[in-house]
Protein backbone atom coordinates (compact mmCIF):
# COMPACT_ATOMS: atom_id res chain seq x y z
CA MET A 1 86.30 18.08 174.49
CA ALA A 2 86.81 21.01 172.14
CA GLU A 3 84.81 24.15 172.88
CA GLN A 4 81.74 24.44 170.71
CA ILE A 5 81.88 27.55 168.56
CA LYS A 6 78.73 29.68 168.46
CA ARG A 7 78.78 32.18 165.62
CA GLN A 8 76.29 35.03 165.61
CA VAL A 9 75.84 37.93 163.22
CA VAL A 10 74.16 41.05 164.59
CA LEU A 11 72.32 42.65 161.68
CA ASP A 12 70.47 45.83 160.82
CA THR A 13 69.12 47.36 157.61
CA GLU A 14 67.95 50.76 156.41
CA THR A 15 65.23 50.99 153.78
CA THR A 16 63.43 53.39 151.45
CA GLY A 17 60.21 53.01 153.44
CA LEU A 18 58.23 50.82 155.77
CA SER A 19 56.56 48.15 153.65
CA THR A 20 57.61 45.63 151.05
CA ALA A 21 53.98 45.63 149.90
CA ASP A 22 54.77 49.04 148.38
CA ASP A 23 57.98 47.60 146.93
CA HIS A 24 60.22 49.52 149.31
CA ARG A 25 63.84 48.43 149.13
CA ILE A 26 66.94 47.99 151.25
CA ILE A 27 69.52 50.77 150.96
CA GLU A 28 72.01 49.73 153.65
CA ILE A 29 73.02 46.50 155.37
CA GLY A 30 75.26 46.42 158.44
CA CYS A 31 76.49 43.25 160.19
CA VAL A 32 78.96 42.55 162.97
CA GLU A 33 80.26 39.10 163.84
CA VAL A 34 80.16 37.67 167.38
CA ILE A 35 81.81 34.36 168.20
CA ASN A 36 81.28 32.83 171.64
CA ARG A 37 79.98 36.19 172.92
CA ARG A 38 83.03 38.12 171.71
CA LEU A 39 83.04 40.74 168.96
CA THR A 40 85.58 39.61 166.38
CA GLY A 41 85.93 42.86 164.46
CA GLN A 42 84.65 41.19 161.28
CA THR A 43 81.86 43.17 159.62
CA PHE A 44 79.77 43.32 156.48
CA HIS A 45 78.66 46.78 155.44
CA GLN A 46 77.13 47.84 152.15
CA TYR A 47 75.14 50.75 150.78
CA ILE A 48 72.75 49.75 148.00
CA ASN A 49 71.14 51.64 145.13
CA PRO A 50 67.39 50.87 145.39
CA HIS A 51 66.51 52.32 141.98
CA ARG A 52 63.46 53.99 143.46
CA GLU A 53 62.60 57.06 145.53
CA ILE A 54 63.21 57.19 149.26
CA ASP A 55 60.25 58.26 151.41
CA ALA A 56 60.78 61.59 153.14
CA GLY A 57 59.96 60.03 156.51
CA ALA A 58 62.58 57.33 156.04
CA MET A 59 65.17 59.89 155.00
CA GLU A 60 64.54 61.83 158.22
CA VAL A 61 65.41 58.68 160.17
CA HIS A 62 68.60 57.60 158.40
CA GLY A 63 69.66 60.67 156.40
CA ILE A 64 70.62 58.63 153.32
CA THR A 65 69.82 60.37 150.04
CA GLN A 66 69.26 59.08 146.53
CA GLU A 67 72.18 61.21 145.33
CA PHE A 68 74.49 59.42 147.76
CA LEU A 69 73.27 56.01 146.58
CA ALA A 70 73.45 56.79 142.86
CA ASP A 71 76.81 55.08 142.29
CA LYS A 72 76.24 52.21 144.76
CA PRO A 73 75.67 48.59 143.62
CA LYS A 74 72.30 46.87 143.34
CA PHE A 75 71.32 44.29 145.94
CA SER A 76 71.76 41.52 143.37
CA ASP A 77 75.40 42.59 142.95
CA VAL A 78 76.20 42.05 146.64
CA ALA A 79 73.77 39.23 147.47
CA ASP A 80 76.32 36.41 147.20
CA ASP A 81 78.84 38.16 149.49
CA PHE A 82 76.09 38.93 152.00
CA MET A 83 74.67 35.40 152.04
CA GLN A 84 78.18 33.98 152.42
CA PHE A 85 78.83 36.24 155.43
CA ILE A 86 75.67 35.18 157.29
CA GLU A 87 75.69 31.50 156.30
CA GLY A 88 75.57 29.16 159.27
CA ALA A 89 75.21 31.98 161.80
CA GLU A 90 72.45 32.90 164.19
CA LEU A 91 71.22 36.34 163.14
CA VAL A 92 70.58 38.71 166.03
CA ILE A 93 68.09 41.36 164.88
CA HIS A 94 65.91 43.92 166.67
CA ASN A 95 62.38 43.51 165.27
CA ALA A 96 63.55 40.65 163.07
CA ALA A 97 60.33 40.35 161.05
CA PHE A 98 61.01 43.74 159.47
CA ASP A 99 64.61 43.11 158.37
CA VAL A 100 64.10 39.47 157.39
CA GLY A 101 61.02 40.44 155.40
CA PHE A 102 62.97 43.04 153.45
CA LEU A 103 65.92 40.70 152.88
CA ASN A 104 63.64 37.97 151.55
CA HIS A 105 61.89 40.56 149.39
CA GLU A 106 65.24 41.47 147.83
CA LEU A 107 66.26 37.84 147.38
CA GLY A 108 62.93 37.11 145.72
CA LYS A 109 63.69 39.70 143.04
CA ILE A 110 66.77 37.77 141.89
CA LYS A 111 65.51 35.17 139.43
CA SER A 112 68.49 32.86 139.91
CA GLU A 113 68.34 33.04 143.73
CA LYS A 114 66.22 30.34 145.36
CA ARG A 115 67.49 30.71 148.93
CA ARG A 116 65.81 32.68 151.67
CA ILE A 117 67.22 33.78 155.02
CA LYS A 118 65.88 30.71 156.86
CA ASP A 119 67.81 28.49 154.43
CA VAL A 120 71.20 29.78 155.58
CA SER A 121 70.67 31.17 159.10
CA THR A 122 68.57 30.99 162.23
CA VAL A 123 67.13 34.20 163.67
CA LEU A 124 66.95 35.60 167.21
CA ASP A 125 64.67 38.61 167.72
CA THR A 126 66.00 40.89 170.47
CA LEU A 127 62.78 42.94 170.46
CA LYS A 128 60.79 39.86 171.49
CA MET A 129 63.48 39.01 174.03
CA ALA A 130 63.34 42.54 175.49
CA ARG A 131 59.53 42.51 175.66
CA ASP A 132 59.61 39.20 177.52
CA LYS A 133 62.26 40.50 179.90
CA HIS A 134 60.81 44.00 180.39
CA PRO A 135 57.03 43.79 179.80
CA GLY A 136 55.14 47.06 179.66
CA GLN A 137 58.30 49.13 179.11
CA LYS A 138 59.80 50.84 176.08
CA ASN A 139 62.06 48.37 174.33
CA ASN A 140 63.37 50.24 171.31
CA LEU A 141 67.14 50.39 170.88
CA ASP A 142 67.53 53.81 172.53
CA ALA A 143 65.50 52.70 175.56
CA LEU A 144 67.57 49.53 175.91
CA CYS A 145 70.78 51.56 175.69
CA ARG A 146 69.60 53.66 178.62
CA ARG A 147 68.49 50.59 180.56
CA TYR A 148 71.79 48.75 180.09
CA ASN A 149 74.06 51.81 180.21
CA ILE A 150 75.24 51.43 176.59
CA ASP A 151 76.79 54.54 175.04
CA ASN A 152 74.83 55.53 171.94
CA SER A 153 75.88 59.19 171.90
CA ASN A 154 77.05 58.86 168.28
CA ARG A 155 73.57 57.81 167.15
CA GLU A 156 72.20 61.12 165.86
CA LEU A 157 70.76 59.29 162.84
CA HIS A 158 70.05 55.61 162.30
CA GLY A 159 72.74 53.74 160.39
CA ALA A 160 72.82 50.01 159.77
CA LEU A 161 76.42 49.36 160.81
CA LEU A 162 76.34 51.69 163.83
CA ASP A 163 73.00 50.27 164.98
CA SER A 164 74.23 46.69 164.62
CA GLU A 165 77.30 47.53 166.72
CA ILE A 166 75.09 49.12 169.40
CA LEU A 167 72.68 46.19 169.27
CA ALA A 168 75.58 43.78 169.78
CA ASP A 169 76.48 45.59 173.02
CA VAL A 170 72.83 45.63 174.13
CA TYR A 171 72.37 41.94 173.35
CA LEU A 172 75.50 40.92 175.27
CA ALA A 173 74.42 43.02 178.25
CA MET A 174 70.83 41.75 178.11
CA THR A 175 71.91 38.10 178.02
CA GLY A 176 74.96 38.33 180.26
CA GLY A 177 73.14 37.88 183.56
CA GLN A 178 75.13 37.85 186.73
CA VAL A 179 78.46 36.24 187.44
CA SER A 180 77.98 33.44 189.94
CA LEU A 181 79.93 34.17 193.09
CA SER A 182 80.79 31.49 195.61
CA LEU A 183 80.46 33.08 199.03
CA ALA A 184 81.72 30.66 201.64
CA SER A 185 81.70 31.71 205.26
CA GLU A 186 84.73 31.23 207.40
CA ALA A 187 84.72 28.17 209.61
CA PRO A 188 83.93 28.73 213.31
CA THR A 189 86.47 28.20 216.03
CA THR A 190 85.50 24.53 216.32
CA SER A 191 84.22 22.79 213.19
CA ASN A 192 83.58 19.28 211.94
CA LYS A 193 84.50 18.17 208.39
CA THR A 194 83.87 14.78 206.83
CA ASP A 195 86.52 13.46 204.43
CA ASN A 196 86.25 10.60 201.94
CA ASN A 197 86.83 8.07 204.73
CA ASN A 198 83.88 9.46 206.69
CA ASP A 199 86.24 10.34 209.56
CA ASN A 200 85.33 13.41 211.60
CA ILE A 201 88.21 15.87 211.90
CA THR A 202 87.89 18.37 214.73
CA HIS A 203 89.99 21.54 214.71
CA SER A 204 89.74 22.20 218.39
CA ASP A 205 93.23 23.67 218.63
CA ARG A 206 92.59 26.61 216.31
CA GLY A 207 92.36 29.96 218.00
CA PRO A 208 89.67 32.62 217.46
CA LEU A 209 89.51 33.95 213.94
CA ARG A 210 90.33 37.60 213.42
CA ILE A 211 87.37 39.58 212.08
CA ILE A 212 88.32 42.36 209.66
CA LYS A 213 85.48 44.73 208.82
CA ALA A 214 85.30 46.67 205.56
CA ASN A 215 86.09 50.37 205.80
CA ASN A 216 83.87 53.08 204.33
CA GLU A 217 85.81 53.19 201.05
CA GLU A 218 85.49 49.43 200.60
CA LEU A 219 81.78 49.52 201.44
CA ALA A 220 81.23 52.24 198.84
CA ALA A 221 83.12 50.23 196.22
CA HIS A 222 81.03 47.17 197.09
CA GLU A 223 77.78 49.13 196.71
CA GLU A 224 78.99 50.50 193.35
CA ASN A 225 79.70 46.95 192.12
CA LEU A 226 76.23 45.80 193.23
CA GLN A 227 74.59 48.67 191.36
CA LEU A 228 76.60 47.76 188.24
CA LEU A 229 75.53 44.12 188.55
CA ASP A 230 71.93 45.22 188.98
CA LYS A 231 72.11 47.36 185.84
CA LYS A 232 73.78 44.65 183.75
CA SER A 233 71.28 42.02 184.89
CA GLY A 234 68.20 44.13 184.22
CA GLY A 235 67.33 44.69 187.87
CA GLU A 236 67.86 41.07 188.92
CA CYS A 237 70.79 41.45 191.31
CA VAL A 238 69.85 39.16 194.22
CA TRP A 239 72.11 40.96 196.68
CA LEU A 240 69.98 44.13 196.39
CA LYS A 241 66.67 42.34 196.97
């Protein structure tokens, strides 16, 4: 049977402000493609001229100015390329209601465009996932980077493409879980094993097994691996419980 392909698009936007009720607009879209939990290197990235002022508070977050956006296209000019990129994918978004709301707001302004995000993609909200997994804790992107040991040192300001790349790493770490390890103990000096014919086979002629204990360096490496597993699994490493 052929492997089923799961295509996801990790998405982030930057906007002129916080609310579509005040007709705030999208000024940047960043997307990265993930297929079967592997980053493919395929991206969609676009700055957009909102044709309106950017709130000072928003500009402090993302640093994007109206002067920079003056020669950029309108959302309607890039809508077809964007919708084609996300079509058929599961969108992975942190606080999805915000981004999806803004995207639908932009689509609704195009008279010839009848589609909305739900018509072309499904949506997975990593903020909800993080809150379910880590209740009562901070679950913004910076907090999750610290929790899952994701390098976000380049994130001095928010940017849609950079944040989507970071979110992709966070999502893969948050959903990776632990690798199942099969730990089988060595057989004792005398053991019984049943084969398909239900015959008992006794290895009574095997001598004592040699026991080799781990040295201090190996024990330290083992402990380091357990700590890494614990960090990647969100504190769920069973061997440390």
